[in-house]
Amino acid sequence: MAKSTTTVPTKKHDNRANVLGVRISGTNMQEALGKIASEKLFVVTVNPEFVMLAQDDLEFKNILNNADLAIADGVGLKLAGLKEIIPGRKLVEEIIKLKKYKIFYLGGQNGVAAEMAKKFGGESDPGHSDIRSQILDPRENERIINKINNYKPDVLLVAYGAPYQEKWLDTNSQLLNARVRIGVGGTFDYLTGRKPLPPKWAPEWLWRLAHEPWRWKRQINLVRFVLSLMFSR
């Protein structure tokens, strides 16, 4: 995936809050599901880590700001004044529960996309094994896109992790025949039971850190986020 070198003007979204240069919607769950039911959308689920990645990656920031729907994913965003928080995993759960969409699951590791399709119905593909290089085999990319388009999904869920899933969706937006496109990170692992879901009383970020100690380096971005908000004010 070639990196963008120009700044793309952001779309006008009247109900978006500007959080350190990233525009995030105050949409609640029912509003988001209503849009997904009736509109053609590129959805991004923005958490504090996304915001901090965007500070150093102009291409990623442009993609987030030009998405059709940028939901607030992560309680840390309440510090920026956003009241409606929609965890991306819960959004996917609600989409699946409706049982009215053809869903294509792309990416993840160790066959988890196929496991999602088997458990919930739909089609899948393991996707690019070298997505983090962002230099993808054109023939493999064409194969994946053709498989998606032949299935004609209502919803395409891409589990490449940020910012790779958003960049892949943006780069291939004109080629994909899927009405709703969403990057979902590690959601497949939780919904298949490969990783335990957090109890209601536990903050999701803390639960994930307890079960994935290697994530401590990523949590530094949460500290950077809080400090950046303080200094921006």
Protein backbone atom coordinates (compact mmCIF):
# COMPACT_ATOMS: atom_id res chain seq x y z
CA MET A 1 0.00 0.00 0.00
CA ALA A 2 1.54 3.25 -1.10
CA LYS A 3 1.66 5.99 1.52
CA SER A 4 -0.14 9.25 0.89
CA THR A 5 2.04 12.35 0.82
CA THR A 6 -0.70 14.98 0.54
CA THR A 7 -3.22 16.25 3.01
CA VAL A 8 -6.78 15.30 2.07
CA PRO A 9 -9.47 17.81 3.11
CA THR A 10 -11.72 16.31 5.75
CA LYS A 11 -15.41 15.79 5.09
CA LYS A 12 -17.84 18.01 6.95
CA HIS A 13 -19.40 16.18 9.88
CA ASP A 14 -21.31 18.63 12.07
CA ASN A 15 -21.60 16.29 15.03
CA ARG A 16 -17.94 15.33 15.27
CA ALA A 17 -15.67 16.44 18.10
CA ASN A 18 -12.09 17.41 17.30
CA VAL A 19 -9.77 15.36 19.50
CA LEU A 20 -6.14 16.35 18.89
CA GLY A 21 -6.90 16.80 15.20
CA VAL A 22 -8.95 13.62 14.83
CA ARG A 23 -12.68 14.12 14.30
CA ILE A 24 -14.84 11.63 16.21
CA SER A 25 -18.61 11.26 16.19
CA GLY A 26 -20.84 11.36 19.26
CA THR A 27 -23.06 8.68 17.68
CA ASN A 28 -24.64 6.16 20.05
CA MET A 29 -25.11 2.45 19.35
CA GLN A 30 -28.65 2.68 17.95
CA GLU A 31 -27.72 5.57 15.67
CA ALA A 32 -24.69 3.66 14.42
CA LEU A 33 -26.75 0.54 13.73
CA GLY A 34 -29.34 2.65 11.92
CA LYS A 35 -26.67 4.09 9.63
CA ILE A 36 -25.22 0.64 9.00
CA ALA A 37 -28.68 -0.63 8.05
CA SER A 38 -29.37 2.08 5.49
CA GLU A 39 -26.17 3.70 4.23
CA LYS A 40 -22.97 2.92 2.36
CA LEU A 41 -20.26 3.41 4.96
CA PHE A 42 -16.59 3.18 5.73
CA VAL A 43 -16.60 2.91 9.53
CA VAL A 44 -13.61 3.51 11.79
CA THR A 45 -13.61 2.74 15.52
CA VAL A 46 -11.35 5.38 17.03
CA ASN A 47 -9.76 4.87 20.44
CA PRO A 48 -7.01 6.92 22.18
CA GLU A 49 -4.34 4.71 20.60
CA PHE A 50 -5.69 5.59 17.14
CA VAL A 51 -5.56 9.27 18.03
CA MET A 52 -1.93 9.02 19.08
CA LEU A 53 -0.96 6.96 16.02
CA ALA A 54 -2.55 9.69 13.90
CA GLN A 55 -0.26 12.32 15.45
CA ASP A 56 2.71 10.69 13.71
CA ASP A 57 0.96 9.33 10.61
CA LEU A 58 -0.70 11.94 8.40
CA GLU A 59 -2.07 9.31 6.02
CA PHE A 60 -3.82 7.53 8.89
CA LYS A 61 -5.19 10.82 10.26
CA ASN A 62 -6.64 11.71 6.84
CA ILE A 63 -8.29 8.30 6.58
CA LEU A 64 -9.90 8.63 10.02
CA ASN A 65 -11.12 12.16 9.28
CA ASN A 66 -12.59 11.21 5.92
CA ALA A 67 -14.34 8.03 7.05
CA ASP A 68 -18.13 8.09 6.76
CA LEU A 69 -18.57 7.20 10.42
CA ALA A 70 -15.92 7.55 13.14
CA ILE A 71 -17.27 6.08 16.37
CA ALA A 72 -15.71 6.67 19.78
CA ASP A 73 -14.18 3.38 20.94
CA GLY A 74 -12.54 3.59 24.35
CA VAL A 75 -13.51 5.19 27.67
CA GLY A 76 -10.40 7.36 27.50
CA LEU A 77 -12.22 9.50 24.97
CA LYS A 78 -14.60 10.65 27.70
CA LEU A 79 -11.69 12.80 28.88
CA ALA A 80 -12.04 14.64 25.58
CA GLY A 81 -15.75 15.30 26.21
CA LEU A 82 -17.26 12.43 24.22
CA LYS A 83 -20.14 10.86 26.11
CA GLU A 84 -21.22 8.07 23.75
CA ILE A 85 -18.62 5.27 23.74
CA ILE A 86 -19.16 2.27 21.46
CA PRO A 87 -16.54 -0.48 21.83
CA GLY A 88 -15.83 -1.82 18.35
CA ARG A 89 -16.24 -5.39 19.57
CA LYS A 90 -19.74 -4.65 20.85
CA LEU A 91 -20.68 -2.97 17.58
CA VAL A 92 -19.68 -6.13 15.70
CA GLU A 93 -21.61 -8.26 18.22
CA GLU A 94 -24.75 -6.22 17.58
CA ILE A 95 -24.34 -6.45 13.81
CA ILE A 96 -24.02 -10.23 14.01
CA LYS A 97 -26.97 -10.54 16.41
CA LEU A 98 -29.29 -8.93 13.89
CA LYS A 99 -28.80 -11.92 11.57
CA LYS A 100 -29.86 -9.92 8.53
CA TYR A 101 -26.51 -9.18 6.91
CA LYS A 102 -24.22 -11.16 4.64
CA ILE A 103 -20.88 -10.78 6.40
CA PHE A 104 -17.35 -11.36 5.11
CA TYR A 105 -14.59 -11.89 7.68
CA LEU A 106 -11.07 -10.99 6.53
CA GLY A 107 -7.76 -11.35 8.34
CA GLY A 108 -6.89 -12.28 11.89
CA GLN A 109 -4.48 -15.07 12.73
CA ASN A 110 -4.45 -18.86 12.71
CA GLY A 111 -7.70 -19.32 10.81
CA VAL A 112 -9.84 -17.18 13.12
CA ALA A 113 -11.73 -15.61 10.18
CA ALA A 114 -12.87 -19.06 9.03
CA GLU A 115 -13.88 -19.83 12.61
CA MET A 116 -16.02 -16.68 12.67
CA ALA A 117 -17.75 -17.70 9.43
CA LYS A 118 -18.40 -21.20 10.78
CA LYS A 119 -19.77 -19.91 14.08
CA PHE A 120 -21.87 -17.01 12.85
CA GLY A 121 -22.37 -17.66 9.13
CA GLY A 122 -20.86 -15.85 6.21
CA GLU A 123 -17.68 -16.08 4.15
CA SER A 124 -14.04 -15.60 5.10
CA ASP A 125 -10.45 -15.34 3.96
CA PRO A 126 -7.22 -15.31 6.01
CA GLY A 127 -6.09 -12.27 4.02
CA HIS A 128 -2.59 -10.91 3.59
CA SER A 129 0.04 -12.56 5.75
CA ASP A 130 2.45 -9.64 5.17
CA ILE A 131 0.02 -6.76 5.71
CA ARG A 132 2.42 -4.94 8.03
CA SER A 133 4.95 -4.54 5.24
CA GLN A 134 2.33 -2.52 3.33
CA ILE A 135 3.97 -3.82 0.13
CA LEU A 136 1.42 -6.38 -0.97
CA ASP A 137 1.48 -8.92 -3.77
CA PRO A 138 -0.89 -7.45 -6.41
CA ARG A 139 -2.07 -10.91 -7.47
CA GLU A 140 -2.90 -11.90 -3.91
CA ASN A 141 -4.67 -8.61 -3.36
CA GLU A 142 -6.71 -9.14 -6.51
CA ARG A 143 -7.62 -12.67 -5.39
CA ILE A 144 -8.87 -11.41 -2.03
CA ILE A 145 -10.88 -8.57 -3.55
CA ASN A 146 -12.43 -10.91 -6.13
CA LYS A 147 -13.44 -13.36 -3.40
CA ILE A 148 -15.09 -10.55 -1.42
CA ASN A 149 -16.86 -9.16 -4.47
CA ASN A 150 -18.10 -12.56 -5.61
CA TYR A 151 -19.75 -12.99 -2.21
CA LYS A 152 -21.23 -9.45 -2.32
CA PRO A 153 -21.34 -8.92 1.45
CA ASP A 154 -23.46 -6.33 3.17
CA VAL A 155 -20.71 -5.95 5.78
CA LEU A 156 -16.95 -6.49 5.39
CA LEU A 157 -15.05 -6.91 8.68
CA VAL A 158 -11.27 -6.59 8.38
CA ALA A 159 -9.03 -7.78 11.23
CA TYR A 160 -5.57 -6.56 10.23
CA GLY A 161 -5.06 -4.26 13.21
CA ALA A 162 -4.61 -0.49 13.05
CA PRO A 163 -3.49 1.32 11.01
CA TYR A 164 -3.11 -1.48 8.44
CA GLN A 165 -6.79 -2.43 8.18
CA GLU A 166 -7.88 1.19 7.68
CA LYS A 167 -5.17 1.83 5.09
CA TRP A 168 -6.05 -1.33 3.17
CA LEU A 169 -9.75 -0.45 3.17
CA ASP A 170 -9.01 3.10 2.05
CA THR A 171 -6.61 2.05 -0.71
CA ASN A 172 -9.06 -0.49 -2.11
CA SER A 173 -12.28 1.43 -1.47
CA GLN A 174 -13.16 1.81 -5.15
CA LEU A 175 -12.62 -1.89 -5.83
CA LEU A 176 -14.62 -3.40 -2.97
CA ASN A 177 -18.24 -4.44 -3.48
CA ALA A 178 -19.27 -4.25 0.17
CA ARG A 179 -21.76 -1.68 1.39
CA VAL A 180 -20.30 -1.36 4.91
CA ARG A 181 -16.59 -1.71 5.63
CA ILE A 182 -15.18 -1.82 9.15
CA GLY A 183 -11.71 -2.44 10.61
CA VAL A 184 -12.15 -4.60 13.72
CA GLY A 185 -8.69 -5.29 15.16
CA GLY A 186 -8.68 -8.30 17.51
CA THR A 187 -12.47 -8.65 17.70
CA PHE A 188 -12.53 -12.10 16.04
CA ASP A 189 -10.41 -13.59 18.84
CA TYR A 190 -12.93 -12.48 21.47
CA LEU A 191 -16.07 -13.47 19.62
CA THR A 192 -14.75 -16.96 18.85
CA GLY A 193 -13.74 -17.49 22.47
CA ARG A 194 -10.03 -17.66 21.76
CA LYS A 195 -9.58 -14.83 24.26
CA PRO A 196 -11.79 -14.29 27.33
CA LEU A 197 -14.27 -11.43 27.24
CA PRO A 198 -13.95 -8.85 30.03
CA PRO A 199 -16.62 -8.91 32.75
CA LYS A 200 -18.93 -5.89 32.87
CA TRP A 201 -17.17 -4.43 35.90
CA ALA A 202 -13.70 -4.43 34.31
CA PRO A 203 -12.37 -1.67 32.02
CA GLU A 204 -11.61 -3.36 28.71
CA TRP A 205 -8.13 -1.86 28.38
CA LEU A 206 -7.17 -3.12 31.86
CA TRP A 207 -8.63 -6.57 31.20
CA ARG A 208 -6.69 -6.89 27.96
CA LEU A 209 -3.49 -5.74 29.64
CA ALA A 210 -3.93 -8.33 32.40
CA HIS A 211 -4.34 -11.13 29.86
CA GLU A 212 -1.82 -9.77 27.35
CA PRO A 213 1.04 -8.27 29.39
CA TRP A 214 2.98 -7.54 26.22
CA ARG A 215 0.46 -4.76 25.56
CA TRP A 216 2.06 -2.55 28.23
CA LYS A 217 4.08 -0.75 25.56
CA ARG A 218 0.87 0.08 23.71
CA GLN A 219 -0.68 1.45 26.89
CA ILE A 220 2.00 4.13 26.91
CA ASN A 221 -0.09 5.73 24.17
CA LEU A 222 -2.93 6.12 26.69
CA VAL A 223 -0.59 8.09 28.97
CA ARG A 224 0.57 10.16 25.98
CA PHE A 225 -3.06 10.77 25.08
CA VAL A 226 -3.95 12.11 28.55
CA LEU A 227 -0.86 14.33 28.67
CA SER A 228 -1.50 15.63 25.15
CA LEU A 229 -5.08 16.55 26.08
CA MET A 230 -3.84 18.39 29.17
CA PHE A 231 -1.25 20.39 27.25
CA SER A 232 -3.65 21.13 24.37
CA ARG A 233 -5.91 22.91 26.84
